[in-house]
Amino acid sequence: EVQLPQLYLEAIELVRMFSLSGIASVGDDLVSQMKDLIRQNLASRMELEELFAEIPASYSKLRRLFRASTGISPGAYRIRCRIEKACDLLAEGQFQVSEIAYRLGYPNPFVFSAQFKQITGQTPTYFGDL
């Protein structure tokens, strides 16, 4: 009789832990799906809300999950992925800055160059010459 309340409390704690781990797993799966969609659509100018439309959750919930998991917003992640890809393309030396800008979904090379310099501290032209 004395052990029954303690066992009951332990059982409740176990159920709570399993529930939370299931939620975290679902959240991790959604964040992984969001990352994949962003990386697969770097050239797209589509709004992220539209890009994530097929994921069964509201955009605000997805943003919160993404930020909680990664520490940055989905928009910042897309910028980071675009700049990383731009660095790869610049290192290859096969494309002009303007072509890279359009390949990565920027409206023009000036917007791309400004964002590239803001993130890397260097202009794309300078980076490509290294």
C-alpha atoms as a PDB file:
ATOM      1  CA  GLU A   1       0.000   0.000   0.000  1.00  0.00           C
ATOM      2  CA  VAL A   2       2.794   2.419   0.784  1.00  0.00           C
ATOM      3  CA  GLN A   3       4.531   1.720  -2.562  1.00  0.00           C
ATOM      4  CA  LEU A   4       1.446   2.194  -4.708  1.00  0.00           C
ATOM      5  CA  PRO A   5       1.496   6.040  -4.749  1.00  0.00           C
ATOM      6  CA  GLN A   6       5.220   6.008  -5.553  1.00  0.00           C
ATOM      7  CA  LEU A   7       4.693   3.527  -8.408  1.00  0.00           C
ATOM      8  CA  TYR A   8       1.819   5.643  -9.706  1.00  0.00           C
ATOM      9  CA  LEU A   9       4.038   8.777  -9.751  1.00  0.00           C
ATOM     10  CA  GLU A  10       6.830   6.902 -11.512  1.00  0.00           C
ATOM     11  CA  ALA A  11       4.377   5.601 -14.113  1.00  0.00           C
ATOM     12  CA  ILE A  12       3.097   9.126 -14.762  1.00  0.00           C
ATOM     13  CA  GLU A  13       6.671  10.367 -15.182  1.00  0.00           C
ATOM     14  CA  LEU A  14       7.444   7.573 -17.651  1.00  0.00           C
ATOM     15  CA  VAL A  15       4.346   8.382 -19.709  1.00  0.00           C
ATOM     16  CA  ARG A  16       5.305  12.056 -19.708  1.00  0.00           C
ATOM     17  CA  MET A  17       8.868  11.279 -20.845  1.00  0.00           C
ATOM     18  CA  PHE A  18       7.643   9.048 -23.683  1.00  0.00           C
ATOM     19  CA  SER A  19       5.134  11.691 -24.762  1.00  0.00           C
ATOM     20  CA  LEU A  20       7.765  14.408 -24.841  1.00  0.00           C
ATOM     21  CA  SER A  21      10.235  12.260 -26.736  1.00  0.00           C
ATOM     22  CA  GLY A  22       7.539  11.567 -29.322  1.00  0.00           C
ATOM     23  CA  ILE A  23       6.866  15.284 -29.707  1.00  0.00           C
ATOM     24  CA  ALA A  24      10.571  16.015 -30.060  1.00  0.00           C
ATOM     25  CA  SER A  25      10.868  13.285 -32.671  1.00  0.00           C
ATOM     26  CA  VAL A  26       7.972  14.705 -34.680  1.00  0.00           C
ATOM     27  CA  GLY A  27       9.515  18.176 -34.384  1.00  0.00           C
ATOM     28  CA  ASP A  28      12.905  16.888 -35.517  1.00  0.00           C
ATOM     29  CA  ASP A  29      11.276  15.173 -38.493  1.00  0.00           C
ATOM     30  CA  LEU A  30       9.483  18.377 -39.474  1.00  0.00           C
ATOM     31  CA  VAL A  31      12.667  20.444 -39.170  1.00  0.00           C
ATOM     32  CA  SER A  32      14.547  17.896 -41.250  1.00  0.00           C
ATOM     33  CA  GLN A  33      11.810  18.043 -43.881  1.00  0.00           C
ATOM     34  CA  MET A  34      11.959  21.848 -43.878  1.00  0.00           C
ATOM     35  CA  LYS A  35      15.752  21.834 -44.306  1.00  0.00           C
ATOM     36  CA  ASP A  36      15.452  19.411 -47.226  1.00  0.00           C
ATOM     37  CA  LEU A  37      12.814  21.575 -48.916  1.00  0.00           C
ATOM     38  CA  ILE A  38      14.981  24.666 -48.537  1.00  0.00           C
ATOM     39  CA  ARG A  39      18.103  22.969 -49.911  1.00  0.00           C
ATOM     40  CA  GLN A  40      16.181  21.451 -52.827  1.00  0.00           C
ATOM     41  CA  ASN A  41      14.658  24.819 -53.766  1.00  0.00           C
ATOM     42  CA  LEU A  42      17.548  27.268 -53.405  1.00  0.00           C
ATOM     43  CA  ALA A  43      16.790  28.873 -56.765  1.00  0.00           C
ATOM     44  CA  SER A  44      13.126  29.341 -55.953  1.00  0.00           C
ATOM     45  CA  ARG A  45      11.848  32.796 -55.098  1.00  0.00           C
ATOM     46  CA  MET A  46       8.810  31.201 -53.488  1.00  0.00           C
ATOM     47  CA  GLU A  47       7.921  32.447 -50.026  1.00  0.00           C
ATOM     48  CA  LEU A  48       8.821  29.926 -47.324  1.00  0.00           C
ATOM     49  CA  GLU A  49       5.218  29.748 -46.164  1.00  0.00           C
ATOM     50  CA  GLU A  50       4.275  28.562 -49.653  1.00  0.00           C
ATOM     51  CA  LEU A  51       7.251  26.199 -49.832  1.00  0.00           C
ATOM     52  CA  PHE A  52       6.158  24.519 -46.590  1.00  0.00           C
ATOM     53  CA  ALA A  53       2.468  24.406 -47.539  1.00  0.00           C
ATOM     54  CA  GLU A  54       2.386  20.600 -47.823  1.00  0.00           C
ATOM     55  CA  ILE A  55       3.780  20.086 -44.318  1.00  0.00           C
ATOM     56  CA  PRO A  56       0.831  19.400 -41.982  1.00  0.00           C
ATOM     57  CA  ALA A  57       1.386  22.267 -39.533  1.00  0.00           C
ATOM     58  CA  SER A  58       0.908  26.017 -39.471  1.00  0.00           C
ATOM     59  CA  TYR A  59       3.748  28.167 -40.713  1.00  0.00           C
ATOM     60  CA  SER A  60       4.094  29.900 -37.340  1.00  0.00           C
ATOM     61  CA  LYS A  61       4.444  26.538 -35.586  1.00  0.00           C
ATOM     62  CA  LEU A  62       7.001  25.408 -38.163  1.00  0.00           C
ATOM     63  CA  ARG A  63       9.014  28.606 -37.674  1.00  0.00           C
ATOM     64  CA  ARG A  64       9.027  28.110 -33.885  1.00  0.00           C
ATOM     65  CA  LEU A  65      10.102  24.461 -34.211  1.00  0.00           C
ATOM     66  CA  PHE A  66      12.819  25.369 -36.696  1.00  0.00           C
ATOM     67  CA  ARG A  67      14.215  28.168 -34.544  1.00  0.00           C
ATOM     68  CA  ALA A  68      14.089  26.020 -31.398  1.00  0.00           C
ATOM     69  CA  SER A  69      15.936  23.230 -33.160  1.00  0.00           C
ATOM     70  CA  THR A  70      18.527  25.218 -35.122  1.00  0.00           C
ATOM     71  CA  GLY A  71      18.811  28.558 -33.349  1.00  0.00           C
ATOM     72  CA  ILE A  72      17.975  30.469 -36.547  1.00  0.00           C
ATOM     73  CA  SER A  73      14.870  31.172 -38.598  1.00  0.00           C
ATOM     74  CA  PRO A  74      14.050  29.235 -41.785  1.00  0.00           C
ATOM     75  CA  GLY A  75      14.751  32.422 -43.770  1.00  0.00           C
ATOM     76  CA  ALA A  76      18.210  32.777 -42.247  1.00  0.00           C
ATOM     77  CA  TYR A  77      18.841  29.096 -42.977  1.00  0.00           C
ATOM     78  CA  ARG A  78      17.902  29.618 -46.640  1.00  0.00           C
ATOM     79  CA  ILE A  79      20.316  32.557 -46.864  1.00  0.00           C
ATOM     80  CA  ARG A  80      23.073  30.481 -45.265  1.00  0.00           C
ATOM     81  CA  CYS A  81      22.480  27.609 -47.703  1.00  0.00           C
ATOM     82  CA  ARG A  82      22.471  29.978 -50.684  1.00  0.00           C
ATOM     83  CA  ILE A  83      25.731  31.596 -49.610  1.00  0.00           C
ATOM     84  CA  GLU A  84      27.371  28.197 -49.026  1.00  0.00           C
ATOM     85  CA  LYS A  85      26.316  27.106 -52.519  1.00  0.00           C
ATOM     86  CA  ALA A  86      27.549  30.416 -53.931  1.00  0.00           C
ATOM     87  CA  CYS A  87      30.954  29.810 -52.327  1.00  0.00           C
ATOM     88  CA  ASP A  88      31.123  26.396 -53.986  1.00  0.00           C
ATOM     89  CA  LEU A  89      30.168  27.838 -57.381  1.00  0.00           C
ATOM     90  CA  LEU A  90      32.622  30.719 -57.047  1.00  0.00           C
ATOM     91  CA  ALA A  91      35.406  28.296 -56.114  1.00  0.00           C
ATOM     92  CA  GLU A  92      34.695  26.286 -59.265  1.00  0.00           C
ATOM     93  CA  GLY A  93      35.241  29.439 -61.307  1.00  0.00           C
ATOM     94  CA  GLN A  94      32.851  28.419 -64.089  1.00  0.00           C
ATOM     95  CA  PHE A  95      30.151  31.048 -63.553  1.00  0.00           C
ATOM     96  CA  GLN A  96      30.004  34.817 -63.388  1.00  0.00           C
ATOM     97  CA  VAL A  97      28.632  36.462 -60.267  1.00  0.00           C
ATOM     98  CA  SER A  98      25.444  37.494 -62.079  1.00  0.00           C
ATOM     99  CA  GLU A  99      24.797  33.936 -63.225  1.00  0.00           C
ATOM    100  CA  ILE A 100      25.329  32.586 -59.706  1.00  0.00           C
ATOM    101  CA  ALA A 101      22.924  35.196 -58.346  1.00  0.00           C
ATOM    102  CA  TYR A 102      20.170  34.086 -60.702  1.00  0.00           C
ATOM    103  CA  ARG A 103      20.909  30.385 -60.147  1.00  0.00           C
ATOM    104  CA  LEU A 104      20.367  30.915 -56.421  1.00  0.00           C
ATOM    105  CA  GLY A 105      17.105  32.806 -56.672  1.00  0.00           C
ATOM    106  CA  TYR A 106      18.292  36.363 -56.162  1.00  0.00           C
ATOM    107  CA  PRO A 107      16.386  39.041 -58.071  1.00  0.00           C
ATOM    108  CA  ASN A 108      19.635  40.629 -59.263  1.00  0.00           C
ATOM    109  CA  PRO A 109      23.415  40.456 -58.721  1.00  0.00           C
ATOM    110  CA  PHE A 110      23.418  43.568 -56.512  1.00  0.00           C
ATOM    111  CA  VAL A 111      21.153  42.010 -53.882  1.00  0.00           C
ATOM    112  CA  PHE A 112      23.223  38.825 -54.027  1.00  0.00           C
ATOM    113  CA  SER A 113      26.533  40.697 -53.700  1.00  0.00           C
ATOM    114  CA  ALA A 114      25.308  42.755 -50.752  1.00  0.00           C
ATOM    115  CA  GLN A 115      24.056  39.679 -48.916  1.00  0.00           C
ATOM    116  CA  PHE A 116      27.215  37.711 -49.759  1.00  0.00           C
ATOM    117  CA  LYS A 117      29.417  40.492 -48.366  1.00  0.00           C
ATOM    118  CA  GLN A 118      27.242  40.829 -45.274  1.00  0.00           C
ATOM    119  CA  ILE A 119      27.627  37.106 -44.514  1.00  0.00           C
ATOM    120  CA  THR A 120      31.232  36.452 -45.595  1.00  0.00           C
ATOM    121  CA  GLY A 121      32.820  39.886 -45.216  1.00  0.00           C
ATOM    122  CA  GLN A 122      34.019  39.729 -48.828  1.00  0.00           C
ATOM    123  CA  THR A 123      32.519  40.522 -52.195  1.00  0.00           C
ATOM    124  CA  PRO A 124      31.734  37.541 -54.427  1.00  0.00           C
ATOM    125  CA  THR A 125      34.259  38.790 -56.998  1.00  0.00           C
ATOM    126  CA  TYR A 126      37.015  38.962 -54.414  1.00  0.00           C
ATOM    127  CA  PHE A 127      36.055  35.562 -52.995  1.00  0.00           C
ATOM    128  CA  GLY A 128      36.119  34.001 -56.484  1.00  0.00           C
ATOM    129  CA  ASP A 129      39.626  35.379 -57.106  1.00  0.00           C
ATOM    130  CA  LEU A 130      41.072  33.718 -53.983  1.00  0.00           C
END
